[in-house]
Amino acid sequence: MTSPDTAALVLRVIVGLTLIAHGYNHVFGPGGIKGTAGWFGSMGLRPPLVHAWMSGLVELAAGAGLVVGFLTPFAAGAIIGTMVVAGITAHRTNGFFIFKPGQGYEYVLMISVVCAAIAILGPGRASLDHAIGIELDGWVGAIIALVLGVGGSALLLATAWRPERKPAESTNA
């Protein structure tokens, strides 16, 4: 294996396992799927139970896809989409740093950028993609991941995100 093959393996496995843990927590963690749905509903995602299940299942499946290197740019794109939705709905108004109150967008940005890099780099030799002859890396991998991730998240937000609007302040003196 070359250095890029090794780098791809390390990135895929660590990010994939992180997303599997994240998805597992959404479905089976404290509060379970109902707690996740309540949180998603409070951010304006409608219907919240559907979004809780889909988020958890996408994180589990895409994380597993990254770990084994199967349809890598599609797995990376699914994760990018999930992180973009999380960044916009939950983190963007809290600033950059994750340790700030409300948690900033630092984490979701890093996961997204690493997944874009994985899609460009490709899965490497230690992957199912390589074993079965799927070659979707470079610009092709980048386009697949970005169109799926950014396009999918834009479509989801346009159709299912209904955040609570704050009433306008009165200008009467």
Protein backbone atom coordinates (compact mmCIF):
# COMPACT_ATOMS: atom_id res chain seq x y z
CA MET A 1 0.00 0.00 0.00
CA THR A 2 1.15 3.53 -0.77
CA SER A 3 1.09 6.48 1.62
CA PRO A 4 -2.14 7.83 0.05
CA ASP A 5 -3.72 4.35 0.44
CA THR A 6 -2.78 4.35 4.11
CA ALA A 7 -4.03 7.92 4.61
CA ALA A 8 -7.34 7.04 2.96
CA LEU A 9 -7.73 3.98 5.18
CA VAL A 10 -7.01 5.92 8.38
CA LEU A 11 -9.37 8.76 7.45
CA ARG A 12 -12.16 6.45 6.30
CA VAL A 13 -12.04 4.23 9.37
CA ILE A 14 -11.83 7.01 11.96
CA VAL A 15 -14.50 9.23 10.38
CA GLY A 16 -16.69 6.20 9.63
CA LEU A 17 -16.53 4.89 13.19
CA THR A 18 -17.18 8.39 14.54
CA LEU A 19 -20.34 8.63 12.42
CA ILE A 20 -21.45 5.14 13.43
CA ALA A 21 -21.12 6.17 17.08
CA HIS A 22 -22.98 9.43 16.36
CA GLY A 23 -25.82 7.60 14.58
CA TYR A 24 -26.00 4.96 17.30
CA ASN A 25 -26.32 7.74 19.88
CA HIS A 26 -29.16 9.36 17.93
CA VAL A 27 -31.10 6.09 17.81
CA PHE A 28 -30.13 4.25 21.01
CA GLY A 29 -28.43 6.84 23.25
CA PRO A 30 -29.92 8.64 26.23
CA GLY A 31 -33.43 9.69 25.27
CA GLY A 32 -33.36 7.33 22.30
CA ILE A 33 -35.06 8.12 19.04
CA LYS A 34 -37.85 10.02 20.83
CA GLY A 35 -35.32 12.34 22.46
CA THR A 36 -33.59 12.92 19.12
CA ALA A 37 -36.97 13.60 17.49
CA GLY A 38 -37.83 16.11 20.21
CA TRP A 39 -34.53 17.91 19.67
CA PHE A 40 -34.95 17.92 15.88
CA GLY A 41 -38.51 19.20 16.26
CA SER A 42 -37.29 22.04 18.48
CA MET A 43 -34.99 23.12 15.63
CA GLY A 44 -37.86 23.12 13.13
CA LEU A 45 -37.30 19.86 11.25
CA ARG A 46 -40.69 18.46 10.20
CA PRO A 47 -41.72 15.69 10.78
CA PRO A 48 -39.19 15.31 13.57
CA LEU A 49 -39.52 11.55 14.08
CA VAL A 50 -38.80 10.87 10.40
CA HIS A 51 -35.74 13.14 10.52
CA ALA A 52 -34.48 11.50 13.72
CA TRP A 53 -34.70 8.03 12.16
CA MET A 54 -33.24 9.13 8.84
CA SER A 55 -30.36 10.99 10.46
CA GLY A 56 -29.49 8.04 12.67
CA LEU A 57 -29.79 5.48 9.89
CA VAL A 58 -27.85 7.59 7.36
CA GLU A 59 -25.05 8.13 9.88
CA LEU A 60 -24.92 4.39 10.63
CA ALA A 61 -25.00 3.32 6.97
CA ALA A 62 -22.70 6.01 5.58
CA GLY A 63 -20.27 5.49 8.47
CA ALA A 64 -20.19 1.77 7.71
CA GLY A 65 -19.72 2.54 4.01
CA LEU A 66 -16.69 4.66 4.83
CA VAL A 67 -15.21 2.08 7.18
CA VAL A 68 -15.23 -0.62 4.51
CA GLY A 69 -14.70 1.76 1.60
CA PHE A 70 -17.88 0.90 -0.30
CA LEU A 71 -19.31 3.48 -2.72
CA THR A 72 -17.02 5.89 -0.94
CA PRO A 73 -18.04 9.21 -2.54
CA PHE A 74 -21.71 8.38 -1.91
CA ALA A 75 -21.00 7.59 1.75
CA ALA A 76 -18.93 10.79 2.04
CA GLY A 77 -21.72 12.78 0.37
CA ALA A 78 -24.35 11.40 2.75
CA ILE A 79 -22.20 12.46 5.69
CA ILE A 80 -21.55 15.88 4.17
CA GLY A 81 -25.30 16.35 3.75
CA THR A 82 -26.01 15.35 7.34
CA MET A 83 -23.30 17.72 8.61
CA VAL A 84 -24.52 20.62 6.45
CA VAL A 85 -28.06 20.19 7.82
CA ALA A 86 -26.71 20.01 11.38
CA GLY A 87 -24.49 23.03 10.78
CA ILE A 88 -27.34 25.16 9.48
CA THR A 89 -30.11 24.02 11.84
CA ALA A 90 -28.18 23.60 15.09
CA HIS A 91 -24.74 25.19 15.02
CA ARG A 92 -24.35 28.19 12.69
CA THR A 93 -25.77 30.80 15.06
CA ASN A 94 -23.44 29.67 17.87
CA GLY A 95 -20.18 30.79 16.28
CA PHE A 96 -17.24 28.70 15.16
CA PHE A 97 -15.96 26.90 18.25
CA ILE A 98 -17.64 23.70 19.45
CA PHE A 99 -16.93 24.55 23.10
CA LYS A 100 -19.02 27.76 22.98
CA PRO A 101 -22.51 27.65 24.52
CA GLY A 102 -24.87 25.95 22.09
CA GLN A 103 -21.87 24.42 20.25
CA GLY A 104 -20.48 26.14 17.19
CA TYR A 105 -20.04 24.66 13.73
CA GLU A 106 -16.36 23.66 14.08
CA TYR A 107 -17.08 19.90 14.35
CA VAL A 108 -19.56 19.64 11.48
CA LEU A 109 -17.32 21.74 9.23
CA MET A 110 -14.30 19.51 9.90
CA ILE A 111 -16.27 16.29 9.31
CA SER A 112 -17.63 17.74 6.04
CA VAL A 113 -14.23 18.86 4.75
CA VAL A 114 -12.59 15.55 5.66
CA CYS A 115 -15.36 13.68 3.83
CA ALA A 116 -14.87 15.88 0.76
CA ALA A 117 -11.14 15.10 0.93
CA ILE A 118 -11.87 11.36 1.22
CA ALA A 119 -14.12 11.56 -1.86
CA ILE A 120 -11.33 13.28 -3.80
CA LEU A 121 -8.54 11.02 -2.50
CA GLY A 122 -10.55 7.88 -3.07
CA PRO A 123 -10.90 4.89 -0.77
CA GLY A 124 -7.43 3.46 -1.35
CA ARG A 125 -6.43 -0.14 -1.93
CA ALA A 126 -7.75 -1.44 1.39
CA SER A 127 -11.40 -0.95 0.37
CA LEU A 128 -14.32 -2.81 -1.12
CA ASP A 129 -14.38 -0.25 -3.94
CA HIS A 130 -10.85 -1.24 -4.94
CA ALA A 131 -11.59 -4.96 -4.54
CA ILE A 132 -14.59 -4.84 -6.90
CA GLY A 133 -13.12 -2.29 -9.30
CA ILE A 134 -15.14 0.83 -8.51
CA GLU A 135 -13.04 3.90 -9.35
CA LEU A 136 -14.84 7.08 -8.31
CA ASP A 137 -12.17 9.44 -7.03
CA GLY A 138 -10.65 12.78 -8.03
CA TRP A 139 -13.08 15.23 -9.63
CA VAL A 140 -15.71 12.52 -10.13
CA GLY A 141 -15.65 11.62 -6.43
CA ALA A 142 -15.71 15.29 -5.44
CA ILE A 143 -18.69 16.05 -7.68
CA ILE A 144 -20.65 13.03 -6.44
CA ALA A 145 -20.00 13.87 -2.77
CA LEU A 146 -20.68 17.59 -3.11
CA VAL A 147 -23.80 17.29 -5.27
CA LEU A 148 -25.22 14.60 -2.99
CA GLY A 149 -24.19 16.38 0.22
CA VAL A 150 -24.85 20.02 -0.55
CA GLY A 151 -27.69 19.39 -3.00
CA GLY A 152 -29.39 16.88 -0.75
CA SER A 153 -29.14 19.10 2.30
CA ALA A 154 -30.49 22.10 0.35
CA LEU A 155 -33.45 20.04 -0.83
CA LEU A 156 -34.11 18.72 2.68
CA LEU A 157 -33.92 22.16 4.25
CA ALA A 158 -36.15 23.72 1.57
CA THR A 159 -38.84 21.09 2.02
CA ALA A 160 -38.72 20.15 5.71
CA TRP A 161 -37.10 22.88 7.81
CA ARG A 162 -39.58 25.22 9.42
CA PRO A 163 -37.75 27.08 12.21
CA GLU A 164 -39.80 29.13 14.62
CA ARG A 165 -39.83 32.76 13.60
CA LYS A 166 -39.28 35.33 16.30
CA PRO A 167 -41.78 38.18 16.25
CA ALA A 168 -40.46 41.45 14.88
CA GLU A 169 -39.69 44.06 17.49
CA SER A 170 -42.02 47.01 17.59
CA THR A 171 -40.60 50.31 16.33
CA ASN A 172 -43.32 52.37 18.01
CA ALA A 173 -42.00 54.70 20.69
